[in-house]
C-alpha cells in the first residue's frame, strides 16, 4: 500500500508512522550502539507525539510555539539519523522506509512551523 501524500497527513500521523518504522529499525540494527542510537530517536519521537496529542493545534498559543520548538529539535535528530541509517541497519526495506518517513515528517513539520 502506498503511503498517503505528506500534504494529507497530520504531523501526529507522520510521526506515528515513523515510530512504527523506527521500531522495526531498532530490531534490524546489528550492533548495540546502533540500537542505542535508534532507541534515542524513538524516545524523542514518542515524546513529540505525546506533546502533539496534548496541544491544541487550532490555536497558535504558547503551547503551540513550544511544540514548534520541540519539532524543530526532533527534526534535527531525524535528519542526523537519516544520514546515518544505512550504516546502522542492513535491512534495505526498513532503512528506505525510515528515510521516507523522515522526509515526510520534516516536510509536514515545515508546513506547520515555517
N, C-alpha and C. Protein backbone atom coordinates (compact mmCIF):
# COMPACT_ATOMS: atom_id res chain seq x y z
N UNK A 1 0.84 -1.18 0.00
CA UNK A 1 0.00 0.00 0.00
C UNK A 1 0.89 1.25 0.00
N UNK A 2 0.56 2.19 -0.87
CA UNK A 2 1.33 3.43 -0.96
C UNK A 2 0.95 4.35 0.19
N UNK A 3 1.94 5.02 0.81
CA UNK A 3 1.59 5.97 1.86
C UNK A 3 0.86 7.17 1.26
N UNK A 4 0.01 7.78 2.06
CA UNK A 4 -0.71 8.97 1.61
C UNK A 4 0.29 10.10 1.41
N UNK A 5 -0.03 11.03 0.51
CA UNK A 5 0.87 12.17 0.31
C UNK A 5 1.03 12.94 1.62
N UNK A 6 2.22 13.51 1.82
CA UNK A 6 2.51 14.24 3.07
C UNK A 6 1.49 15.33 3.33
N UNK A 7 1.00 15.97 2.28
CA UNK A 7 0.08 17.09 2.47
C UNK A 7 -1.24 16.67 3.10
N UNK A 8 -1.61 15.38 2.98
CA UNK A 8 -2.87 14.94 3.54
C UNK A 8 -2.72 14.30 4.92
N UNK A 9 -1.50 14.15 5.39
CA UNK A 9 -1.27 13.54 6.70
C UNK A 9 -1.03 14.62 7.75
N UNK A 10 -1.48 14.33 8.97
CA UNK A 10 -1.20 15.24 10.07
C UNK A 10 0.20 14.94 10.61
N UNK A 11 0.72 15.87 11.38
CA UNK A 11 2.03 15.67 11.99
C UNK A 11 2.01 14.45 12.89
N UNK A 12 0.93 14.26 13.62
CA UNK A 12 0.81 13.10 14.50
C UNK A 12 0.84 11.81 13.69
N UNK A 13 0.13 11.76 12.58
CA UNK A 13 0.11 10.55 11.74
C UNK A 13 1.49 10.25 11.17
N UNK A 14 2.18 11.29 10.72
CA UNK A 14 3.51 11.11 10.14
C UNK A 14 4.48 10.60 11.20
N UNK A 15 4.43 11.20 12.40
CA UNK A 15 5.31 10.75 13.47
C UNK A 15 4.96 9.33 13.92
N UNK A 16 3.67 8.99 13.94
CA UNK A 16 3.26 7.64 14.34
C UNK A 16 3.78 6.61 13.33
N UNK A 17 3.70 6.92 12.05
CA UNK A 17 4.23 6.02 11.02
C UNK A 17 5.74 5.88 11.17
N UNK A 18 6.41 7.00 11.43
CA UNK A 18 7.86 6.98 11.65
C UNK A 18 8.20 6.12 12.87
N UNK A 19 7.43 6.26 13.94
CA UNK A 19 7.67 5.48 15.15
C UNK A 19 7.59 3.98 14.86
N UNK A 20 6.61 3.57 14.07
CA UNK A 20 6.50 2.15 13.70
C UNK A 20 7.74 1.67 12.95
N UNK A 21 8.19 2.47 11.98
CA UNK A 21 9.36 2.06 11.21
C UNK A 21 10.65 2.13 12.04
N UNK A 22 10.72 3.07 12.97
CA UNK A 22 11.88 3.11 13.86
C UNK A 22 11.92 1.88 14.76
N UNK A 23 10.77 1.40 15.18
CA UNK A 23 10.72 0.15 15.97
C UNK A 23 11.27 -1.00 15.15
N UNK A 24 10.90 -1.08 13.88
CA UNK A 24 11.43 -2.13 13.01
C UNK A 24 12.94 -1.95 12.82
N UNK A 25 13.37 -0.70 12.68
CA UNK A 25 14.80 -0.42 12.51
C UNK A 25 15.57 -0.83 13.76
N UNK A 26 14.99 -0.59 14.93
CA UNK A 26 15.64 -0.99 16.18
C UNK A 26 15.94 -2.48 16.17
N UNK A 27 14.97 -3.29 15.80
CA UNK A 27 15.15 -4.74 15.81
C UNK A 27 16.05 -5.21 14.68
N UNK A 28 16.15 -4.40 13.62
CA UNK A 28 17.02 -4.76 12.50
C UNK A 28 18.46 -4.30 12.71
N UNK A 29 18.68 -3.43 13.69
CA UNK A 29 20.03 -2.92 13.94
C UNK A 29 20.95 -4.06 14.35
N UNK A 30 22.18 -4.00 13.83
CA UNK A 30 23.09 -5.12 14.04
C UNK A 30 24.01 -4.96 15.25
N UNK A 31 24.13 -3.76 15.78
CA UNK A 31 25.01 -3.57 16.93
C UNK A 31 24.25 -2.91 18.07
N UNK A 32 24.79 -3.05 19.26
CA UNK A 32 24.20 -2.40 20.43
C UNK A 32 24.24 -0.88 20.30
N UNK A 33 25.33 -0.35 19.76
CA UNK A 33 25.45 1.10 19.57
C UNK A 33 24.38 1.61 18.61
N UNK A 34 24.12 0.86 17.53
CA UNK A 34 23.08 1.25 16.57
C UNK A 34 21.70 1.20 17.23
N UNK A 35 21.46 0.15 18.01
CA UNK A 35 20.19 0.04 18.73
C UNK A 35 20.02 1.21 19.69
N UNK A 36 21.07 1.58 20.41
CA UNK A 36 21.00 2.71 21.34
C UNK A 36 20.68 4.01 20.62
N UNK A 37 21.33 4.22 19.47
CA UNK A 37 21.08 5.44 18.71
C UNK A 37 19.64 5.50 18.21
N UNK A 38 19.16 4.41 17.69
CA UNK A 38 17.78 4.36 17.20
C UNK A 38 16.80 4.51 18.35
N UNK A 39 17.09 3.87 19.49
CA UNK A 39 16.21 3.98 20.66
C UNK A 39 16.12 5.42 21.14
N UNK A 40 17.23 6.14 21.09
CA UNK A 40 17.20 7.55 21.48
C UNK A 40 16.27 8.37 20.60
N UNK A 41 16.30 8.11 19.31
CA UNK A 41 15.41 8.82 18.39
C UNK A 41 13.97 8.36 18.59
N UNK A 42 13.79 7.07 18.84
CA UNK A 42 12.44 6.56 19.15
C UNK A 42 11.83 7.31 20.32
N UNK A 43 12.61 7.51 21.35
CA UNK A 43 12.12 8.19 22.55
C UNK A 43 11.73 9.63 22.27
N UNK A 44 12.53 10.35 21.48
CA UNK A 44 12.18 11.76 21.23
C UNK A 44 10.97 11.87 20.30
N UNK A 45 10.80 10.91 19.38
CA UNK A 45 9.61 10.92 18.53
C UNK A 45 8.37 10.59 19.37
N UNK A 46 8.48 9.61 20.27
CA UNK A 46 7.35 9.27 21.15
C UNK A 46 6.98 10.45 22.04
N UNK A 47 7.99 11.15 22.56
CA UNK A 47 7.73 12.34 23.37
C UNK A 47 7.03 13.42 22.55
N UNK A 48 7.46 13.59 21.30
CA UNK A 48 6.83 14.58 20.42
C UNK A 48 5.37 14.23 20.16
N UNK A 49 5.09 12.95 19.96
CA UNK A 49 3.69 12.52 19.75
C UNK A 49 2.86 12.85 20.98
N UNK A 50 3.41 12.60 22.16
CA UNK A 50 2.69 12.93 23.40
C UNK A 50 2.41 14.42 23.48
N UNK A 51 3.38 15.24 23.12
CA UNK A 51 3.20 16.69 23.14
C UNK A 51 2.17 17.12 22.10
N UNK A 52 2.23 16.55 20.93
CA UNK A 52 1.25 16.87 19.88
C UNK A 52 -0.16 16.54 20.36
N UNK A 53 -0.32 15.38 20.97
CA UNK A 53 -1.63 14.96 21.48
C UNK A 53 -2.16 15.91 22.54
N UNK A 54 -1.26 16.50 23.31
CA UNK A 54 -1.67 17.38 24.41
C UNK A 54 -1.83 18.85 23.99
N UNK A 55 -1.48 19.18 22.75
CA UNK A 55 -1.50 20.56 22.31
C UNK A 55 -2.68 20.79 21.37
N UNK A 56 -3.39 21.91 21.61
CA UNK A 56 -4.47 22.30 20.72
C UNK A 56 -3.85 22.98 19.51
N UNK A 57 -3.79 22.25 18.40
CA UNK A 57 -3.11 22.76 17.21
C UNK A 57 -3.92 23.83 16.49
N UNK A 58 -5.19 24.01 16.87
CA UNK A 58 -6.00 25.03 16.21
C UNK A 58 -5.73 26.43 16.76
N UNK A 59 -5.10 26.49 17.92
CA UNK A 59 -4.76 27.80 18.48
C UNK A 59 -3.26 27.99 18.42
N UNK A 60 -2.87 29.16 18.06
CA UNK A 60 -1.43 29.46 17.94
C UNK A 60 -0.97 30.13 19.24
N UNK A 61 -1.05 29.40 20.34
CA UNK A 61 -0.70 29.95 21.64
C UNK A 61 0.71 29.54 22.05
N UNK A 62 1.04 29.74 23.32
CA UNK A 62 2.38 29.43 23.81
C UNK A 62 2.69 27.93 23.70
N UNK A 63 1.69 27.09 23.94
CA UNK A 63 1.91 25.65 23.83
C UNK A 63 2.23 25.26 22.38
N UNK A 64 1.57 25.91 21.45
CA UNK A 64 1.83 25.66 20.03
C UNK A 64 3.25 26.10 19.67
N UNK A 65 3.66 27.25 20.18
CA UNK A 65 5.02 27.74 19.92
C UNK A 65 6.06 26.79 20.53
N UNK A 66 5.78 26.30 21.73
CA UNK A 66 6.70 25.35 22.37
C UNK A 66 6.77 24.05 21.57
N UNK A 67 5.64 23.61 21.04
CA UNK A 67 5.62 22.42 20.20
C UNK A 67 6.48 22.65 18.95
N UNK A 68 6.37 23.83 18.37
CA UNK A 68 7.19 24.16 17.20
C UNK A 68 8.67 24.05 17.50
N UNK A 69 9.08 24.54 18.65
CA UNK A 69 10.49 24.44 19.06
C UNK A 69 10.89 22.98 19.24
N UNK A 70 10.02 22.19 19.85
CA UNK A 70 10.31 20.77 20.06
C UNK A 70 10.42 20.04 18.72
N UNK A 71 9.51 20.35 17.80
CA UNK A 71 9.52 19.69 16.49
C UNK A 71 10.79 20.03 15.71
N UNK A 72 11.24 21.28 15.79
CA UNK A 72 12.48 21.67 15.12
C UNK A 72 13.65 20.85 15.68
N UNK A 73 13.68 20.68 16.99
CA UNK A 73 14.73 19.88 17.62
C UNK A 73 14.65 18.41 17.19
N UNK A 74 13.44 17.86 17.17
CA UNK A 74 13.23 16.48 16.74
C UNK A 74 13.70 16.32 15.30
N UNK A 75 13.34 17.28 14.45
CA UNK A 75 13.72 17.19 13.04
C UNK A 75 15.23 17.16 12.85
N UNK A 76 15.95 17.90 13.67
CA UNK A 76 17.42 17.87 13.58
C UNK A 76 17.95 16.47 13.88
N UNK A 77 17.39 15.83 14.91
CA UNK A 77 17.80 14.48 15.25
C UNK A 77 17.40 13.49 14.15
N UNK A 78 16.23 13.72 13.57
CA UNK A 78 15.78 12.85 12.48
C UNK A 78 16.68 12.96 11.26
N UNK A 79 17.06 14.17 10.93
CA UNK A 79 17.93 14.37 9.77
C UNK A 79 19.31 13.74 9.99
N UNK A 80 19.78 13.79 11.22
CA UNK A 80 21.05 13.13 11.54
C UNK A 80 20.92 11.61 11.35
N UNK A 81 19.83 11.05 11.88
CA UNK A 81 19.59 9.61 11.73
C UNK A 81 19.43 9.26 10.25
N UNK A 82 18.73 10.10 9.52
CA UNK A 82 18.51 9.85 8.10
C UNK A 82 19.84 9.69 7.36
N UNK A 83 20.80 10.51 7.71
CA UNK A 83 22.11 10.45 7.05
C UNK A 83 22.91 9.20 7.45
N UNK A 84 22.58 8.63 8.61
CA UNK A 84 23.37 7.52 9.14
C UNK A 84 22.69 6.15 9.08
N UNK A 85 21.41 6.11 8.71
CA UNK A 85 20.63 4.89 8.85
C UNK A 85 21.21 3.71 8.07
N UNK A 86 21.74 3.95 6.90
CA UNK A 86 22.29 2.84 6.11
C UNK A 86 23.45 2.14 6.82
N UNK A 87 24.17 2.88 7.64
CA UNK A 87 25.27 2.28 8.39
C UNK A 87 24.82 1.61 9.68
N UNK A 88 23.57 1.82 10.06
CA UNK A 88 23.08 1.26 11.32
C UNK A 88 22.33 -0.06 11.14
N UNK A 89 21.65 -0.19 10.00
CA UNK A 89 20.90 -1.43 9.76
C UNK A 89 21.17 -1.91 8.34
N UNK A 90 21.09 -3.20 8.15
CA UNK A 90 21.34 -3.77 6.83
C UNK A 90 20.06 -4.10 6.07
N UNK A 91 18.92 -3.99 6.72
CA UNK A 91 17.62 -4.25 6.08
C UNK A 91 17.26 -3.05 5.21
N UNK A 92 17.47 -3.19 3.91
CA UNK A 92 17.30 -2.07 2.98
C UNK A 92 15.87 -1.56 2.98
N UNK A 93 14.90 -2.44 3.04
CA UNK A 93 13.49 -2.04 3.02
C UNK A 93 13.16 -1.17 4.24
N UNK A 94 13.63 -1.56 5.40
CA UNK A 94 13.37 -0.80 6.62
C UNK A 94 14.12 0.54 6.57
N UNK A 95 15.36 0.52 6.15
CA UNK A 95 16.13 1.76 6.05
C UNK A 95 15.46 2.74 5.09
N UNK A 96 14.98 2.24 3.96
CA UNK A 96 14.29 3.08 2.98
C UNK A 96 13.01 3.65 3.58
N UNK A 97 12.27 2.84 4.32
CA UNK A 97 11.03 3.30 4.95
C UNK A 97 11.32 4.41 5.97
N UNK A 98 12.38 4.24 6.76
CA UNK A 98 12.74 5.24 7.76
C UNK A 98 13.13 6.56 7.07
N UNK A 99 13.93 6.47 6.02
CA UNK A 99 14.34 7.67 5.29
C UNK A 99 13.12 8.38 4.70
N UNK A 100 12.21 7.62 4.11
CA UNK A 100 10.99 8.19 3.54
C UNK A 100 10.13 8.85 4.61
N UNK A 101 9.97 8.17 5.75
CA UNK A 101 9.18 8.73 6.86
C UNK A 101 9.80 10.02 7.39
N UNK A 102 11.11 10.05 7.50
CA UNK A 102 11.78 11.26 8.00
C UNK A 102 11.56 12.41 7.03
N UNK A 103 11.70 12.14 5.74
CA UNK A 103 11.47 13.18 4.73
C UNK A 103 10.05 13.72 4.86
N UNK A 104 9.10 12.83 5.02
CA UNK A 104 7.70 13.21 5.15
C UNK A 104 7.46 14.01 6.44
N UNK A 105 8.05 13.58 7.53
CA UNK A 105 7.87 14.28 8.82
C UNK A 105 8.45 15.68 8.75
N UNK A 106 9.63 15.82 8.18
CA UNK A 106 10.26 17.14 8.07
C UNK A 106 9.41 18.04 7.18
N UNK A 107 8.86 17.50 6.11
CA UNK A 107 8.03 18.27 5.19
C UNK A 107 6.76 18.77 5.87
N UNK A 108 6.05 17.88 6.54
CA UNK A 108 4.81 18.26 7.23
C UNK A 108 5.11 19.28 8.32
N UNK A 109 6.16 19.06 9.08
CA UNK A 109 6.52 19.98 10.16
C UNK A 109 6.88 21.36 9.61
N UNK A 110 7.57 21.39 8.49
CA UNK A 110 7.96 22.68 7.89
C UNK A 110 6.73 23.48 7.47
N UNK A 111 5.68 22.81 7.06
CA UNK A 111 4.44 23.50 6.69
C UNK A 111 3.72 24.04 7.92
N UNK A 112 3.80 23.30 9.03
CA UNK A 112 3.12 23.73 10.26
C UNK A 112 3.90 24.81 11.00
N UNK A 113 5.22 24.70 10.97
CA UNK A 113 6.09 25.59 11.74
C UNK A 113 7.14 26.19 10.81
N UNK A 114 6.72 27.11 9.94
CA UNK A 114 7.66 27.69 8.96
C UNK A 114 8.75 28.52 9.59
